[in-house]
Amino acid sequence: PIYLGGRIITWQRLPVRPKHVYVVNMQPPRADIPEWAEFDLGDVCALPGHIARRQYDLVFSNSVIEHVGGHERRERFADSVHQLSDSHWVQTPWRYFPVEPHWMAPGMQFLPVMARVQVARRWPLSRERGKSWETAARKVLGVELLDRTQLHYYFPGSLIRTETVLGVPKSLIAYRTG
């Protein structure tokens, strides 16, 4: 499979992994790349030709689409997914889960931006705690949680599955098998 926006360590931690994984991310890998993997620096919304021309068995993406930056970039992300394979598994946190998953803060996603920035700077579980307003604002503005209608729009031929925690919808998965 090709893993859009992910890290190789995700696959290293699994008890079973695919024979080969190709990872594309805008940040360099944090560790050596094993022989069963490839890594490329790249924007998953504007894939370089040497990646875009290849076909893959599966495109896998976990909690990336909400970080790519607005509707137009989400459309380009989805176009990349559709171009690379007939099969995909794209997961994203559900907008209406009661806890914002990036900060583990109840209801944070429903607040105005200014209030979200303040929560990000003060919430004890936040990585932005104590950081500058600009740093926290950049992180807050870089997360746009999706709902079912949006995910269906980006992946119209896909099935949409709901992951739950204690019966409460937590995240959505758009998937299709070729």
N, C-alpha and C. Protein backbone atom coordinates (compact mmCIF):
# COMPACT_ATOMS: atom_id res chain seq x y z
N PRO A 1 0.82 -1.21 0.00
CA PRO A 1 0.00 0.00 0.00
C PRO A 1 0.86 1.26 0.00
N ILE A 2 0.23 2.36 -0.31
CA ILE A 2 0.87 3.66 -0.13
C ILE A 2 0.18 4.30 1.06
N TYR A 3 0.98 4.88 1.94
CA TYR A 3 0.48 5.47 3.18
C TYR A 3 0.65 6.98 3.05
N LEU A 4 -0.44 7.68 2.85
CA LEU A 4 -0.39 9.12 2.63
C LEU A 4 -0.41 9.85 3.97
N GLY A 5 0.66 10.61 4.21
CA GLY A 5 0.74 11.42 5.40
C GLY A 5 1.13 10.67 6.65
N GLY A 6 1.61 9.47 6.52
CA GLY A 6 1.89 8.67 7.70
C GLY A 6 3.36 8.53 8.03
N ARG A 7 3.62 7.70 8.99
CA ARG A 7 4.98 7.43 9.45
C ARG A 7 5.24 5.93 9.41
N ILE A 8 6.46 5.57 9.10
CA ILE A 8 6.85 4.17 9.01
C ILE A 8 6.68 3.47 10.34
N ILE A 9 6.89 4.17 11.44
CA ILE A 9 6.77 3.54 12.75
C ILE A 9 5.38 2.95 12.99
N THR A 10 4.37 3.51 12.36
CA THR A 10 3.02 2.96 12.47
C THR A 10 3.01 1.50 12.03
N TRP A 11 3.68 1.23 10.92
CA TRP A 11 3.72 -0.13 10.38
C TRP A 11 4.67 -1.01 11.18
N GLN A 12 5.73 -0.44 11.73
CA GLN A 12 6.68 -1.23 12.52
C GLN A 12 6.04 -1.75 13.81
N ARG A 13 5.08 -1.06 14.33
CA ARG A 13 4.44 -1.44 15.59
C ARG A 13 3.37 -2.51 15.42
N LEU A 14 2.95 -2.77 14.20
CA LEU A 14 1.90 -3.75 13.96
C LEU A 14 2.42 -5.18 14.08
N PRO A 15 1.60 -6.09 14.58
CA PRO A 15 2.03 -7.49 14.65
C PRO A 15 2.13 -8.13 13.26
N VAL A 16 1.34 -7.62 12.31
CA VAL A 16 1.37 -8.09 10.93
C VAL A 16 1.40 -6.84 10.05
N ARG A 17 2.23 -6.86 9.04
CA ARG A 17 2.30 -5.71 8.15
C ARG A 17 2.33 -6.18 6.71
N PRO A 18 2.03 -5.27 5.78
CA PRO A 18 2.11 -5.63 4.36
C PRO A 18 3.54 -5.98 3.96
N LYS A 19 3.66 -6.63 2.82
CA LYS A 19 4.98 -6.99 2.29
C LYS A 19 5.82 -5.75 1.99
N HIS A 20 5.16 -4.70 1.50
CA HIS A 20 5.86 -3.48 1.14
C HIS A 20 4.95 -2.28 1.43
N VAL A 21 5.53 -1.21 1.96
CA VAL A 21 4.80 0.01 2.27
C VAL A 21 5.56 1.19 1.68
N TYR A 22 4.83 2.07 1.04
CA TYR A 22 5.40 3.30 0.49
C TYR A 22 4.76 4.46 1.26
N VAL A 23 5.55 5.22 1.98
CA VAL A 23 5.07 6.30 2.83
C VAL A 23 5.40 7.64 2.17
N VAL A 24 4.40 8.54 2.13
CA VAL A 24 4.60 9.89 1.63
C VAL A 24 4.19 10.85 2.75
N ASN A 25 5.10 11.76 3.09
CA ASN A 25 4.83 12.71 4.16
C ASN A 25 5.62 13.98 3.87
N MET A 26 5.17 15.10 4.39
CA MET A 26 5.87 16.37 4.21
C MET A 26 6.99 16.55 5.24
N GLN A 27 7.06 15.64 6.20
CA GLN A 27 8.12 15.70 7.21
C GLN A 27 9.02 14.48 7.05
N PRO A 28 10.32 14.66 7.21
CA PRO A 28 11.24 13.54 7.03
C PRO A 28 11.02 12.45 8.07
N PRO A 29 11.42 11.22 7.75
CA PRO A 29 11.25 10.13 8.72
C PRO A 29 12.11 10.37 9.94
N ARG A 30 11.64 9.85 11.07
CA ARG A 30 12.36 10.02 12.33
C ARG A 30 13.37 8.92 12.58
N ALA A 31 13.32 7.89 11.78
CA ALA A 31 14.22 6.74 11.99
C ALA A 31 14.64 6.19 10.63
N ASP A 32 15.55 5.23 10.67
CA ASP A 32 15.98 4.57 9.44
C ASP A 32 14.80 3.88 8.77
N ILE A 33 14.88 3.80 7.46
CA ILE A 33 13.82 3.17 6.68
C ILE A 33 14.15 1.70 6.51
N PRO A 34 13.27 0.80 6.95
CA PRO A 34 13.54 -0.63 6.80
C PRO A 34 13.50 -1.06 5.33
N GLU A 35 14.05 -2.23 5.05
CA GLU A 35 14.13 -2.72 3.66
C GLU A 35 12.76 -2.95 3.03
N TRP A 36 11.73 -3.14 3.81
CA TRP A 36 10.39 -3.41 3.28
C TRP A 36 9.58 -2.13 3.04
N ALA A 37 10.23 -0.96 3.18
CA ALA A 37 9.51 0.30 3.03
C ALA A 37 10.26 1.26 2.12
N GLU A 38 9.50 2.19 1.56
CA GLU A 38 10.04 3.32 0.82
C GLU A 38 9.48 4.57 1.46
N PHE A 39 10.21 5.67 1.36
CA PHE A 39 9.74 6.94 1.91
C PHE A 39 10.05 8.05 0.91
N ASP A 40 9.08 8.94 0.74
CA ASP A 40 9.28 10.12 -0.08
C ASP A 40 8.73 11.34 0.64
N LEU A 41 9.50 12.42 0.59
CA LEU A 41 8.97 13.70 1.03
C LEU A 41 8.03 14.19 -0.07
N GLY A 42 6.84 14.57 0.30
CA GLY A 42 5.92 15.05 -0.71
C GLY A 42 4.62 15.52 -0.11
N ASP A 43 3.95 16.37 -0.85
CA ASP A 43 2.65 16.90 -0.47
C ASP A 43 1.58 15.97 -1.05
N VAL A 44 0.79 15.35 -0.20
CA VAL A 44 -0.20 14.39 -0.68
C VAL A 44 -1.32 15.05 -1.48
N CYS A 45 -1.38 16.37 -1.45
CA CYS A 45 -2.37 17.10 -2.24
C CYS A 45 -1.83 17.53 -3.60
N ALA A 46 -0.55 17.34 -3.80
CA ALA A 46 0.11 17.68 -5.07
C ALA A 46 1.28 16.73 -5.23
N LEU A 47 0.96 15.48 -5.50
CA LEU A 47 2.00 14.45 -5.55
C LEU A 47 2.98 14.66 -6.69
N PRO A 48 4.26 14.46 -6.43
CA PRO A 48 5.24 14.50 -7.51
C PRO A 48 4.93 13.41 -8.54
N GLY A 49 5.30 13.67 -9.79
CA GLY A 49 4.99 12.75 -10.88
C GLY A 49 5.46 11.33 -10.65
N HIS A 50 6.66 11.14 -10.06
CA HIS A 50 7.17 9.78 -9.88
C HIS A 50 6.32 8.97 -8.89
N ILE A 51 5.55 9.65 -8.06
CA ILE A 51 4.62 8.94 -7.17
C ILE A 51 3.26 8.80 -7.86
N ALA A 52 2.78 9.88 -8.44
CA ALA A 52 1.44 9.90 -9.04
C ALA A 52 1.30 8.94 -10.21
N ARG A 53 2.38 8.62 -10.90
CA ARG A 53 2.31 7.72 -12.06
C ARG A 53 2.21 6.25 -11.67
N ARG A 54 2.52 5.94 -10.43
CA ARG A 54 2.49 4.54 -9.98
C ARG A 54 1.08 4.15 -9.56
N GLN A 55 0.82 2.86 -9.58
CA GLN A 55 -0.44 2.31 -9.08
C GLN A 55 -0.13 1.45 -7.87
N TYR A 56 -1.03 1.48 -6.89
CA TYR A 56 -0.82 0.78 -5.64
C TYR A 56 -2.02 -0.13 -5.37
N ASP A 57 -1.78 -1.16 -4.57
CA ASP A 57 -2.87 -2.06 -4.20
C ASP A 57 -3.88 -1.37 -3.31
N LEU A 58 -3.40 -0.49 -2.44
CA LEU A 58 -4.25 0.16 -1.45
C LEU A 58 -3.65 1.51 -1.07
N VAL A 59 -4.50 2.50 -0.91
CA VAL A 59 -4.09 3.78 -0.33
C VAL A 59 -4.65 3.80 1.09
N PHE A 60 -3.77 4.04 2.05
CA PHE A 60 -4.16 4.07 3.46
C PHE A 60 -3.81 5.43 4.02
N SER A 61 -4.73 6.02 4.75
CA SER A 61 -4.48 7.30 5.38
C SER A 61 -5.24 7.37 6.69
N ASN A 62 -4.53 7.71 7.74
CA ASN A 62 -5.12 7.74 9.07
C ASN A 62 -4.97 9.15 9.66
N SER A 63 -6.08 9.82 9.83
CA SER A 63 -6.11 11.15 10.46
C SER A 63 -5.19 12.15 9.77
N VAL A 64 -5.35 12.26 8.45
CA VAL A 64 -4.57 13.22 7.67
C VAL A 64 -5.46 14.25 7.00
N ILE A 65 -6.57 13.83 6.44
CA ILE A 65 -7.40 14.71 5.61
C ILE A 65 -7.85 15.96 6.39
N GLU A 66 -7.99 15.86 7.69
CA GLU A 66 -8.42 17.03 8.47
C GLU A 66 -7.29 18.03 8.69
N HIS A 67 -6.07 17.69 8.24
CA HIS A 67 -4.91 18.56 8.42
C HIS A 67 -4.40 19.18 7.12
N VAL A 68 -4.98 18.85 5.98
CA VAL A 68 -4.37 19.27 4.72
C VAL A 68 -4.63 20.73 4.34
N GLY A 69 -5.65 21.36 4.95
CA GLY A 69 -5.81 22.78 4.74
C GLY A 69 -6.94 23.20 3.83
N GLY A 70 -8.16 23.09 4.27
CA GLY A 70 -9.30 23.65 3.55
C GLY A 70 -9.91 22.73 2.51
N HIS A 71 -11.07 23.14 2.05
CA HIS A 71 -11.86 22.34 1.11
C HIS A 71 -11.11 21.99 -0.17
N GLU A 72 -10.49 22.99 -0.80
CA GLU A 72 -9.80 22.74 -2.07
C GLU A 72 -8.69 21.72 -1.90
N ARG A 73 -7.92 21.82 -0.83
CA ARG A 73 -6.83 20.85 -0.60
C ARG A 73 -7.39 19.48 -0.23
N ARG A 74 -8.52 19.43 0.47
CA ARG A 74 -9.14 18.13 0.75
C ARG A 74 -9.60 17.48 -0.56
N GLU A 75 -10.12 18.29 -1.48
CA GLU A 75 -10.49 17.75 -2.79
C GLU A 75 -9.26 17.17 -3.51
N ARG A 76 -8.16 17.89 -3.46
CA ARG A 76 -6.93 17.41 -4.12
C ARG A 76 -6.40 16.16 -3.43
N PHE A 77 -6.51 16.11 -2.10
CA PHE A 77 -6.12 14.91 -1.36
C PHE A 77 -6.95 13.72 -1.85
N ALA A 78 -8.27 13.90 -1.91
CA ALA A 78 -9.15 12.82 -2.38
C ALA A 78 -8.83 12.44 -3.82
N ASP A 79 -8.54 13.41 -4.67
CA ASP A 79 -8.16 13.11 -6.05
C ASP A 79 -6.91 12.24 -6.08
N SER A 80 -5.94 12.54 -5.22
CA SER A 80 -4.71 11.72 -5.15
C SER A 80 -5.05 10.29 -4.74
N VAL A 81 -5.91 10.15 -3.75
CA VAL A 81 -6.31 8.81 -3.29
C VAL A 81 -6.93 8.04 -4.45
N HIS A 82 -7.88 8.66 -5.15
CA HIS A 82 -8.58 7.98 -6.26
C HIS A 82 -7.63 7.65 -7.41
N GLN A 83 -6.66 8.52 -7.65
CA GLN A 83 -5.72 8.32 -8.75
C GLN A 83 -4.77 7.16 -8.49
N LEU A 84 -4.37 6.96 -7.25
CA LEU A 84 -3.32 6.00 -6.93
C LEU A 84 -3.79 4.56 -6.84
N SER A 85 -5.06 4.35 -6.57
CA SER A 85 -5.54 2.97 -6.40
C SER A 85 -7.06 2.92 -6.50
N ASP A 86 -7.56 1.74 -6.84
CA ASP A 86 -9.00 1.52 -6.81
C ASP A 86 -9.48 1.18 -5.39
N SER A 87 -8.54 0.93 -4.49
CA SER A 87 -8.88 0.56 -3.11
C SER A 87 -8.28 1.57 -2.14
N HIS A 88 -9.07 1.96 -1.15
CA HIS A 88 -8.54 2.89 -0.16
C HIS A 88 -9.21 2.70 1.20
N TRP A 89 -8.54 3.22 2.21
CA TRP A 89 -9.00 3.25 3.59
C TRP A 89 -8.56 4.60 4.15
N VAL A 90 -9.49 5.54 4.27
CA VAL A 90 -9.18 6.90 4.72
C VAL A 90 -9.99 7.16 5.99
N GLN A 91 -9.27 7.31 7.09
CA GLN A 91 -9.90 7.52 8.40
C GLN A 91 -9.71 8.96 8.82
N THR A 92 -10.71 9.51 9.51
CA THR A 92 -10.63 10.85 10.07
C THR A 92 -11.48 10.92 11.32
N PRO A 93 -11.07 11.68 12.32
CA PRO A 93 -11.92 11.86 13.50
C PRO A 93 -13.25 12.52 13.10
N TRP A 94 -14.32 12.12 13.76
CA TRP A 94 -15.65 12.67 13.48
C TRP A 94 -15.80 14.01 14.19
N ARG A 95 -16.25 14.99 13.46
CA ARG A 95 -16.38 16.35 13.98
C ARG A 95 -17.21 16.43 15.25
N TYR A 96 -18.22 15.59 15.39
CA TYR A 96 -19.16 15.72 16.49
C TYR A 96 -18.87 14.81 17.68
N PHE A 97 -17.73 14.15 17.69
CA PHE A 97 -17.34 13.40 18.89
C PHE A 97 -17.19 14.42 20.02
N PRO A 98 -17.63 14.11 21.22
CA PRO A 98 -17.64 15.12 22.28
C PRO A 98 -16.27 15.63 22.72
N VAL A 99 -15.21 14.91 22.39
CA VAL A 99 -13.86 15.33 22.78
C VAL A 99 -13.05 15.60 21.52
N GLU A 100 -12.45 16.79 21.44
CA GLU A 100 -11.59 17.10 20.29
C GLU A 100 -10.34 16.22 20.41
N PRO A 101 -10.08 15.35 19.43
CA PRO A 101 -9.05 14.33 19.58
C PRO A 101 -7.60 14.82 19.56
N HIS A 102 -7.34 15.97 18.99
CA HIS A 102 -5.96 16.46 18.91
C HIS A 102 -5.50 17.08 20.23
N TRP A 103 -6.43 17.61 20.99
CA TRP A 103 -6.11 18.23 22.27
C TRP A 103 -6.74 17.48 23.45
N MET A 104 -7.56 16.48 23.16
CA MET A 104 -8.27 15.74 24.19
C MET A 104 -9.07 16.69 25.09
N ALA A 105 -9.64 17.72 24.49
CA ALA A 105 -10.39 18.74 25.21
C ALA A 105 -11.87 18.63 24.86
N PRO A 106 -12.72 18.42 25.84
CA PRO A 106 -14.16 18.30 25.57
C PRO A 106 -14.73 19.53 24.88
N GLY A 107 -15.39 19.31 23.74
CA GLY A 107 -16.10 20.37 23.04
C GLY A 107 -15.26 21.45 22.39
N MET A 108 -13.96 21.33 22.43
CA MET A 108 -13.10 22.40 21.91
C MET A 108 -13.41 22.74 20.45
N GLN A 109 -13.75 21.74 19.64
CA GLN A 109 -13.97 21.97 18.21
C GLN A 109 -15.19 22.85 17.94
N PHE A 110 -16.05 23.06 18.93
CA PHE A 110 -17.26 23.86 18.73
C PHE A 110 -17.06 25.32 19.15
N LEU A 111 -15.89 25.64 19.67
CA LEU A 111 -15.62 27.00 20.13
C LEU A 111 -15.14 27.90 18.98
N PRO A 112 -15.29 29.21 19.12
CA PRO A 112 -14.70 30.13 18.14
C PRO A 112 -13.17 29.96 18.14
N VAL A 113 -12.53 30.36 17.06
CA VAL A 113 -11.09 30.17 16.91
C VAL A 113 -10.32 30.77 18.08
N MET A 114 -10.62 31.98 18.48
CA MET A 114 -9.89 32.62 19.58
C MET A 114 -9.96 31.77 20.85
N ALA A 115 -11.13 31.24 21.14
CA ALA A 115 -11.28 30.40 22.34
C ALA A 115 -10.51 29.09 22.18
N ARG A 116 -10.51 28.51 20.98
CA ARG A 116 -9.74 27.27 20.75
C ARG A 116 -8.25 27.52 20.96
N VAL A 117 -7.77 28.66 20.50
CA VAL A 117 -6.35 29.00 20.68
C VAL A 117 -6.04 29.10 22.17
N GLN A 118 -6.91 29.74 22.92
CA GLN A 118 -6.68 29.87 24.36
C GLN A 118 -6.70 28.50 25.04
N VAL A 119 -7.62 27.64 24.65
CA VAL A 119 -7.65 26.28 25.20
C VAL A 119 -6.35 25.56 24.86
N ALA A 120 -5.91 25.67 23.61
CA ALA A 120 -4.67 25.00 23.18
C ALA A 120 -3.48 25.47 24.01
N ARG A 121 -3.46 26.72 24.39
CA ARG A 121 -2.33 27.28 25.16
C ARG A 121 -2.41 26.93 26.64
N ARG A 122 -3.59 26.55 27.12
CA ARG A 122 -3.74 26.35 28.56
C ARG A 122 -4.14 24.93 28.97
N TRP A 123 -4.73 24.18 28.08
CA TRP A 123 -5.23 22.84 28.43
C TRP A 123 -4.06 21.94 28.82
N PRO A 124 -4.16 21.24 29.93
CA PRO A 124 -3.03 20.44 30.43
C PRO A 124 -2.57 19.32 29.48
N LEU A 125 -3.43 18.85 28.60
CA LEU A 125 -3.06 17.78 27.68
C LEU A 125 -2.56 18.29 26.33
N SER A 126 -2.48 19.59 26.16
CA SER A 126 -2.10 20.20 24.89
C SER A 126 -0.59 20.26 24.71
N ARG A 127 -0.14 19.92 23.50
CA ARG A 127 1.28 20.08 23.16
C ARG A 127 1.65 21.56 23.00
N GLU A 128 0.65 22.42 22.84
CA GLU A 128 0.89 23.85 22.67
C GLU A 128 0.80 24.60 24.00
N ARG A 129 0.64 23.88 25.09
CA ARG A 129 0.51 24.52 26.41
C ARG A 129 1.74 25.39 26.68
N GLY A 130 1.48 26.65 27.00
CA GLY A 130 2.55 27.57 27.33
C GLY A 130 3.27 28.16 26.13
N LYS A 131 2.92 27.73 24.93
CA LYS A 131 3.58 28.27 23.73
C LYS A 131 2.93 29.58 23.32
N SER A 132 3.53 30.22 22.35
CA SER A 132 3.05 31.53 21.91
C SER A 132 1.66 31.42 21.29
N TRP A 133 0.97 32.58 21.26
CA TRP A 133 -0.35 32.65 20.64
C TRP A 133 -0.24 32.23 19.17
N GLU A 134 0.80 32.70 18.47
CA GLU A 134 0.98 32.39 17.05
C GLU A 134 1.14 30.90 16.81
N THR A 135 1.93 30.25 17.64
CA THR A 135 2.14 28.80 17.50
C THR A 135 0.84 28.05 17.72
N ALA A 136 0.13 28.40 18.79
CA ALA A 136 -1.14 27.73 19.08
C ALA A 136 -2.17 28.00 17.98
N ALA A 137 -2.23 29.24 17.49
CA ALA A 137 -3.18 29.58 16.42
C ALA A 137 -2.89 28.79 15.16
N ARG A 138 -1.60 28.65 14.80
CA ARG A 138 -1.24 27.88 13.61
C ARG A 138 -1.72 26.43 13.75
N LYS A 139 -1.54 25.83 14.91
CA LYS A 139 -1.98 24.45 15.14
C LYS A 139 -3.50 24.34 15.09
N VAL A 140 -4.19 25.26 15.77
CA VAL A 140 -5.65 25.23 15.80
C VAL A 140 -6.21 25.40 14.39
N LEU A 141 -5.68 26.35 13.64
CA LEU A 141 -6.18 26.59 12.29
C LEU A 141 -5.81 25.47 11.32
N GLY A 142 -4.87 24.63 11.71
CA GLY A 142 -4.45 23.52 10.87
C GLY A 142 -5.28 22.26 11.04
N VAL A 143 -6.33 22.33 11.84
CA VAL A 143 -7.20 21.17 12.07
C VAL A 143 -8.63 21.56 11.72
N GLU A 144 -9.20 20.83 10.77
CA GLU A 144 -10.60 21.04 10.38
C GLU A 144 -11.28 19.68 10.37
N LEU A 145 -11.97 19.38 11.47
CA LEU A 145 -12.64 18.09 11.58
C LEU A 145 -13.79 17.99 10.59
N LEU A 146 -14.01 16.79 10.07
CA LEU A 146 -15.02 16.55 9.05
C LEU A 146 -16.23 15.83 9.62
N ASP A 147 -17.34 15.98 8.91
CA ASP A 147 -18.53 15.20 9.24
C ASP A 147 -18.79 14.19 8.13
N ARG A 148 -19.81 13.39 8.27
CA ARG A 148 -20.13 12.32 7.31
C ARG A 148 -20.42 12.88 5.92
N THR A 149 -21.15 13.99 5.83
CA THR A 149 -21.49 14.57 4.52
C THR A 149 -20.23 14.98 3.77
N GLN A 150 -19.30 15.61 4.47
CA GLN A 150 -18.06 16.03 3.82
C GLN A 150 -17.27 14.81 3.33
N LEU A 151 -17.13 13.80 4.18
CA LEU A 151 -16.35 12.63 3.79
C LEU A 151 -17.01 11.94 2.59
N HIS A 152 -18.32 11.86 2.60
CA HIS A 152 -19.04 11.27 1.45
C HIS A 152 -18.82 12.11 0.18
N TYR A 153 -18.76 13.41 0.31
CA TYR A 153 -18.50 14.27 -0.84
C TYR A 153 -17.13 13.97 -1.45
N TYR A 154 -16.11 13.84 -0.61
CA TYR A 154 -14.76 13.60 -1.10
C TYR A 154 -14.57 12.18 -1.63
N PHE A 155 -15.35 11.25 -1.11
CA PHE A 155 -15.23 9.83 -1.50
C PHE A 155 -16.61 9.28 -1.85
N PRO A 156 -17.21 9.77 -2.97
CA PRO A 156 -18.60 9.43 -3.29
C PRO A 156 -18.85 7.95 -3.60
N GLY A 157 -17.87 7.23 -4.07
CA GLY A 157 -18.07 5.82 -4.39
C GLY A 157 -17.69 4.88 -3.26
N SER A 158 -17.40 5.45 -2.12
CA SER A 158 -16.90 4.66 -1.00
C SER A 158 -18.00 4.37 0.01
N LEU A 159 -17.80 3.31 0.76
CA LEU A 159 -18.63 3.05 1.92
C LEU A 159 -18.08 3.89 3.06
N ILE A 160 -18.95 4.38 3.92
CA ILE A 160 -18.52 5.15 5.08
C ILE A 160 -18.84 4.32 6.33
N ARG A 161 -17.81 4.02 7.07
CA ARG A 161 -17.94 3.23 8.29
C ARG A 161 -17.73 4.15 9.48
N THR A 162 -18.44 3.89 10.56
CA THR A 162 -18.30 4.67 11.79
C THR A 162 -17.59 3.83 12.84
N GLU A 163 -16.50 4.37 13.40
CA GLU A 163 -15.85 3.74 14.55
C GLU A 163 -16.46 4.35 15.80
N THR A 164 -16.73 3.54 16.81
CA THR A 164 -17.35 4.04 18.02
C THR A 164 -16.50 3.75 19.26
N VAL A 165 -16.74 4.55 20.28
CA VAL A 165 -16.17 4.33 21.61
C VAL A 165 -17.36 4.32 22.57
N LEU A 166 -17.58 3.20 23.22
CA LEU A 166 -18.71 3.06 24.14
C LEU A 166 -20.02 3.45 23.46
N GLY A 167 -20.15 3.08 22.19
CA GLY A 167 -21.36 3.34 21.43
C GLY A 167 -21.48 4.74 20.84
N VAL A 168 -20.51 5.60 21.10
CA VAL A 168 -20.52 6.98 20.57
C VAL A 168 -19.62 7.04 19.35
N PRO A 169 -20.13 7.55 18.22
CA PRO A 169 -19.27 7.67 17.03
C PRO A 169 -18.03 8.51 17.33
N LYS A 170 -16.85 7.96 16.98
CA LYS A 170 -15.56 8.61 17.26
C LYS A 170 -14.87 9.07 15.98
N SER A 171 -14.90 8.22 14.96
CA SER A 171 -14.23 8.56 13.72
C SER A 171 -14.97 7.91 12.56
N LEU A 172 -14.65 8.39 11.37
CA LEU A 172 -15.25 7.90 10.14
C LEU A 172 -14.17 7.33 9.24
N ILE A 173 -14.55 6.31 8.48
CA ILE A 173 -13.64 5.70 7.53
C ILE A 173 -14.34 5.60 6.18
N ALA A 174 -13.71 6.18 5.17
CA ALA A 174 -14.18 5.99 3.80
C ALA A 174 -13.33 4.87 3.22
N TYR A 175 -13.99 3.80 2.76
CA TYR A 175 -13.22 2.70 2.20
C TYR A 175 -13.88 2.14 0.95
N ARG A 176 -13.01 1.60 0.13
CA ARG A 176 -13.47 0.98 -1.11
C ARG A 176 -12.48 -0.10 -1.47
N THR A 177 -12.98 -1.21 -1.92
CA THR A 177 -12.11 -2.27 -2.41
C THR A 177 -12.29 -2.35 -3.92
N GLY A 178 -11.16 -2.43 -4.61
CA GLY A 178 -11.17 -2.44 -6.07
C GLY A 178 -11.75 -3.67 -6.60
